PDB file of N, CA and C in Angstrom:
ATOM      1  N   UNK A   1       0.859  -1.011  -0.304  1.00  0.00           N
ATOM      2  CA  UNK A   1       0.351   0.341  -0.405  1.00  0.00           C
ATOM      3  C   UNK A   1       1.177   1.312  -0.224  1.00  0.00           C
ATOM      4  N   UNK A   2       0.277   2.215  -1.202  1.00  0.00           N
ATOM      5  CA  UNK A   2       1.092   3.402  -1.078  1.00  0.00           C
ATOM      6  C   UNK A   2       0.927   3.902   0.038  1.00  0.00           C
ATOM      7  N   UNK A   3       2.284   4.891   0.822  1.00  0.00           N
ATOM      8  CA  UNK A   3       3.063   4.955   2.416  1.00  0.00           C
ATOM      9  C   UNK A   3       1.945   6.664   2.195  1.00  0.00           C
ATOM     10  N   UNK A   4       1.596   7.280   1.225  1.00  0.00           N
ATOM     11  CA  UNK A   4       0.472   8.739   1.349  1.00  0.00           C
ATOM     12  C   UNK A   4      -0.408   7.773   1.864  1.00  0.00           C
ATOM     13  N   UNK A   5      -1.676   7.180   1.166  1.00  0.00           N
ATOM     14  CA  UNK A   5      -2.109   6.353   1.196  1.00  0.00           C
ATOM     15  C   UNK A   5      -2.818   5.305   3.152  1.00  0.00           C
ATOM     16  N   UNK A   6      -1.408   5.144   3.490  1.00  0.00           N
ATOM     17  CA  UNK A   6      -1.453   4.679   4.669  1.00  0.00           C
ATOM     18  C   UNK A   6      -1.842   5.066   5.695  1.00  0.00           C
ATOM     19  N   UNK A   7      -0.899   6.871   5.909  1.00  0.00           N
ATOM     20  CA  UNK A   7      -0.799   8.529   6.831  1.00  0.00           C
ATOM     21  C   UNK A   7      -2.254   8.520   6.361  1.00  0.00           C
ATOM     22  N   UNK A   8      -3.404   8.565   5.145  1.00  0.00           N
ATOM     23  CA  UNK A   8      -4.904   8.831   5.323  1.00  0.00           C
ATOM     24  C   UNK A   8      -5.701   8.181   5.937  1.00  0.00           C
ATOM     25  N   UNK A   9      -4.746   6.682   5.683  1.00  0.00           N
ATOM     26  CA  UNK A   9      -6.334   5.690   6.584  1.00  0.00           C
ATOM     27  C   UNK A   9      -6.218   5.818   8.056  1.00  0.00           C
ATOM     28  N   UNK A  10      -4.902   5.971   8.596  1.00  0.00           N
ATOM     29  CA  UNK A  10      -4.562   5.962   9.951  1.00  0.00           C
ATOM     30  C   UNK A  10      -5.157   7.682  10.153  1.00  0.00           C
ATOM     31  N   UNK A  11      -4.700   8.321   9.064  1.00  0.00           N
ATOM     32  CA  UNK A  11      -5.364   9.789  10.295  1.00  0.00           C
ATOM     33  C   UNK A  11      -6.912   9.736   9.992  1.00  0.00           C
ATOM     34  N   UNK A  12      -7.741   9.040   8.703  1.00  0.00           N
ATOM     35  CA  UNK A  12      -9.077   8.763   9.185  1.00  0.00           C
ATOM     36  C   UNK A  12      -9.626   8.053  10.130  1.00  0.00           C
ATOM     37  N   UNK A  13      -9.480   7.099  10.662  1.00  0.00           N
ATOM     38  CA  UNK A  13      -9.591   6.337  11.430  1.00  0.00           C
ATOM     39  C   UNK A  13      -9.107   6.916  13.193  1.00  0.00           C
ATOM     40  N   UNK A  14      -8.556   7.510  13.225  1.00  0.00           N
ATOM     41  CA  UNK A  14      -7.868   8.222  14.896  1.00  0.00           C
ATOM     42  C   UNK A  14      -8.935   9.226  14.877  1.00  0.00           C
ATOM     43  N   UNK A  15      -9.937   9.886  13.915  1.00  0.00           N
ATOM     44  CA  UNK A  15     -10.468  10.670  14.163  1.00  0.00           C
ATOM     45  C   UNK A  15     -11.765  10.333  13.966  1.00  0.00           C
ATOM     46  N   UNK A  16     -11.854   9.292  14.244  1.00  0.00           N
ATOM     47  CA  UNK A  16     -12.898   8.375  12.967  1.00  0.00           C
ATOM     48  C   UNK A  16     -14.113   8.848  12.311  1.00  0.00           C
ATOM     49  N   UNK A  17     -13.169   9.256  11.533  1.00  0.00           N
ATOM     50  CA  UNK A  17     -14.163   9.456   9.862  1.00  0.00           C
ATOM     51  C   UNK A  17     -14.830   8.782   9.094  1.00  0.00           C
ATOM     52  N   UNK A  18     -16.052   8.060   9.152  1.00  0.00           N
ATOM     53  CA  UNK A  18     -16.109   6.907   8.323  1.00  0.00           C
ATOM     54  C   UNK A  18     -16.328   6.774   7.094  1.00  0.00           C
ATOM     55  N   UNK A  19     -16.770   7.859   6.469  1.00  0.00           N
ATOM     56  CA  UNK A  19     -17.092   8.498   5.244  1.00  0.00           C
ATOM     57  C   UNK A  19     -15.491   7.850   4.482  1.00  0.00           C
ATOM     58  N   UNK A  20     -14.108   9.112   5.180  1.00  0.00           N
ATOM     59  CA  UNK A  20     -13.111   8.678   4.300  1.00  0.00           C
ATOM     60  C   UNK A  20     -12.161   7.841   4.693  1.00  0.00           C
ATOM     61  N   UNK A  21     -13.059   6.668   5.720  1.00  0.00           N
ATOM     62  CA  UNK A  21     -12.558   5.185   5.472  1.00  0.00           C
ATOM     63  C   UNK A  21     -12.624   4.660   4.592  1.00  0.00           C
ATOM     64  N   UNK A  22     -14.191   4.923   4.379  1.00  0.00           N
ATOM     65  CA  UNK A  22     -14.786   3.935   3.534  1.00  0.00           C
ATOM     66  C   UNK A  22     -14.379   4.422   1.965  1.00  0.00           C
ATOM     67  N   UNK A  23     -13.990   5.517   2.104  1.00  0.00           N
ATOM     68  CA  UNK A  23     -13.558   6.124   1.240  1.00  0.00           C
ATOM     69  C   UNK A  23     -12.533   5.599   0.337  1.00  0.00           C
ATOM     70  N   UNK A  24     -11.199   5.512   1.044  1.00  0.00           N
ATOM     71  CA  UNK A  24      -9.474   5.332   0.756  1.00  0.00           C
ATOM     72  C   UNK A  24     -10.381   3.699   0.943  1.00  0.00           C
ATOM     73  N   UNK A  25     -10.798   3.154   1.737  1.00  0.00           N
ATOM     74  CA  UNK A  25     -10.416   1.572   1.283  1.00  0.00           C
ATOM     75  C   UNK A  25     -11.339   1.399  -0.154  1.00  0.00           C
ATOM     76  N   UNK A  26     -12.196   2.033  -0.547  1.00  0.00           N
ATOM     77  CA  UNK A  26     -12.349   1.927  -1.732  1.00  0.00           C
ATOM     78  C   UNK A  26     -11.539   1.803  -3.200  1.00  0.00           C
ATOM     79  N   UNK A  27     -10.873   2.755  -2.852  1.00  0.00           N
ATOM     80  CA  UNK A  27      -9.331   3.031  -3.805  1.00  0.00           C
ATOM     81  C   UNK A  27      -8.642   2.358  -3.426  1.00  0.00           C
ATOM     82  N   UNK A  28      -8.415   2.104  -2.235  1.00  0.00           N
ATOM     83  CA  UNK A  28      -7.025   1.052  -2.410  1.00  0.00           C
ATOM     84  C   UNK A  28      -7.486  -0.981  -2.639  1.00  0.00           C
ATOM     85  N   UNK A  29      -8.804  -0.918  -3.191  1.00  0.00           N
ATOM     86  CA  UNK A  29      -9.467  -1.943  -3.703  1.00  0.00           C
ATOM     87  C   UNK A  29      -9.147  -1.702  -5.451  1.00  0.00           C
ATOM     88  N   UNK A  30     -10.377  -0.441  -5.615  1.00  0.00           N
ATOM     89  CA  UNK A  30      -9.713  -0.370  -7.377  1.00  0.00           C
ATOM     90  C   UNK A  30      -8.717  -0.116  -7.852  1.00  0.00           C
ATOM     91  N   UNK A  31      -7.185   0.482  -6.604  1.00  0.00           N
ATOM     92  CA  UNK A  31      -6.049   0.713  -7.202  1.00  0.00           C
ATOM     93  C   UNK A  31      -5.461  -1.048  -7.514  1.00  0.00           C
ATOM     94  N   UNK A  32      -6.006  -1.767  -6.060  1.00  0.00           N
ATOM     95  CA  UNK A  32      -4.895  -3.032  -6.469  1.00  0.00           C
ATOM     96  C   UNK A  32      -5.524  -3.986  -7.753  1.00  0.00           C
ATOM     97  N   UNK A  33      -6.969  -3.534  -7.893  1.00  0.00           N
ATOM     98  CA  UNK A  33      -7.924  -4.991  -8.297  1.00  0.00           C
ATOM     99  C   UNK A  33      -7.561  -4.123 -10.104  1.00  0.00           C
ATOM    100  N   UNK A  34      -7.174  -3.392 -10.277  1.00  0.00           N
ATOM    101  CA  UNK A  34      -6.823  -2.518 -11.491  1.00  0.00           C
ATOM    102  C   UNK A  34      -4.881  -2.980 -11.816  1.00  0.00           C
ATOM    103  N   UNK A  35      -4.735  -2.342 -10.298  1.00  0.00           N
ATOM    104  CA  UNK A  35      -2.810  -3.070 -10.738  1.00  0.00           C
ATOM    105  C   UNK A  35      -2.790  -4.360 -11.497  1.00  0.00           C
ATOM    106  N   UNK A  36      -3.493  -5.271 -10.713  1.00  0.00           N
ATOM    107  CA  UNK A  36      -3.319  -7.079 -11.040  1.00  0.00           C
ATOM    108  C   UNK A  36      -4.289  -6.832 -12.224  1.00  0.00           C
ATOM    109  N   UNK A  37      -4.743  -6.170 -12.570  1.00  0.00           N
ATOM    110  CA  UNK A  37      -5.293  -6.208 -13.860  1.00  0.00           C
ATOM    111  C   UNK A  37      -4.461  -6.179 -15.189  1.00  0.00           C
ATOM    112  N   UNK A  38      -3.517  -5.074 -14.659  1.00  0.00           N
ATOM    113  CA  UNK A  38      -2.289  -4.501 -15.945  1.00  0.00           C
ATOM    114  C   UNK A  38      -1.384  -5.826 -16.361  1.00  0.00           C
ATOM    115  N   UNK A  39      -0.683  -6.060 -14.619  1.00  0.00           N
ATOM    116  CA  UNK A  39       0.241  -6.911 -14.685  1.00  0.00           C
ATOM    117  C   UNK A  39      -0.554  -7.819 -15.493  1.00  0.00           C
ATOM    118  N   UNK A  40      -1.281  -8.569 -15.677  1.00  0.00           N
ATOM    119  CA  UNK A  40      -1.916  -9.763 -16.191  1.00  0.00           C
ATOM    120  C   UNK A  40      -1.634  -9.763 -17.541  1.00  0.00           C
ATOM    121  N   UNK A  41      -2.478  -8.548 -18.023  1.00  0.00           N
ATOM    122  CA  UNK A  41      -2.450  -7.939 -19.321  1.00  0.00           C
ATOM    123  C   UNK A  41      -0.997  -7.874 -20.202  1.00  0.00           C
ATOM    124  N   UNK A  42      -0.143  -7.682 -19.758  1.00  0.00           N
ATOM    125  CA  UNK A  42       1.453  -6.953 -19.411  1.00  0.00           C
ATOM    126  C   UNK A  42       1.994  -8.091 -19.645  1.00  0.00           C
ATOM    127  N   UNK A  43       1.721  -9.396 -19.092  1.00  0.00           N
ATOM    128  CA  UNK A  43       2.049 -10.952 -18.987  1.00  0.00           C
ATOM    129  C   UNK A  43       1.888 -11.843 -19.806  1.00  0.00           C
ATOM    130  N   UNK A  44       0.416 -10.805 -20.086  1.00  0.00           N
ATOM    131  CA  UNK A  44       0.208 -12.770 -21.048  1.00  0.00           C
ATOM    132  C   UNK A  44       0.381 -11.581 -22.932  1.00  0.00           C
ATOM    133  N   UNK A  45       0.820 -10.937 -22.630  1.00  0.00           N
ATOM    134  CA  UNK A  45       0.967 -10.473 -24.248  1.00  0.00           C
ATOM    135  C   UNK A  45       2.567 -10.819 -24.411  1.00  0.00           C
ATOM    136  N   UNK A  46       3.487 -11.059 -23.516  1.00  0.00           N
ATOM    137  CA  UNK A  46       4.682 -11.445 -23.712  1.00  0.00           C
ATOM    138  C   UNK A  46       5.094 -12.731 -24.215  1.00  0.00           C
ATOM    139  N   UNK A  47       3.668 -13.787 -23.504  1.00  0.00           N
ATOM    140  CA  UNK A  47       3.822 -15.586 -23.698  1.00  0.00           C
ATOM    141  C   UNK A  47       2.848 -15.763 -25.082  1.00  0.00           C
TER     142      UNK A  47
END
């Protein structure tokens, strides 16, 4: 997880900002799934 995202999540948890926690969680999930998709696509092209 990128450091900036980790910091944002910790701050949101600390401030009990549920909306921001949910938003950042969605961002991380989207980021992770997108990265997996591009890695799979690039490895698929090489073989």
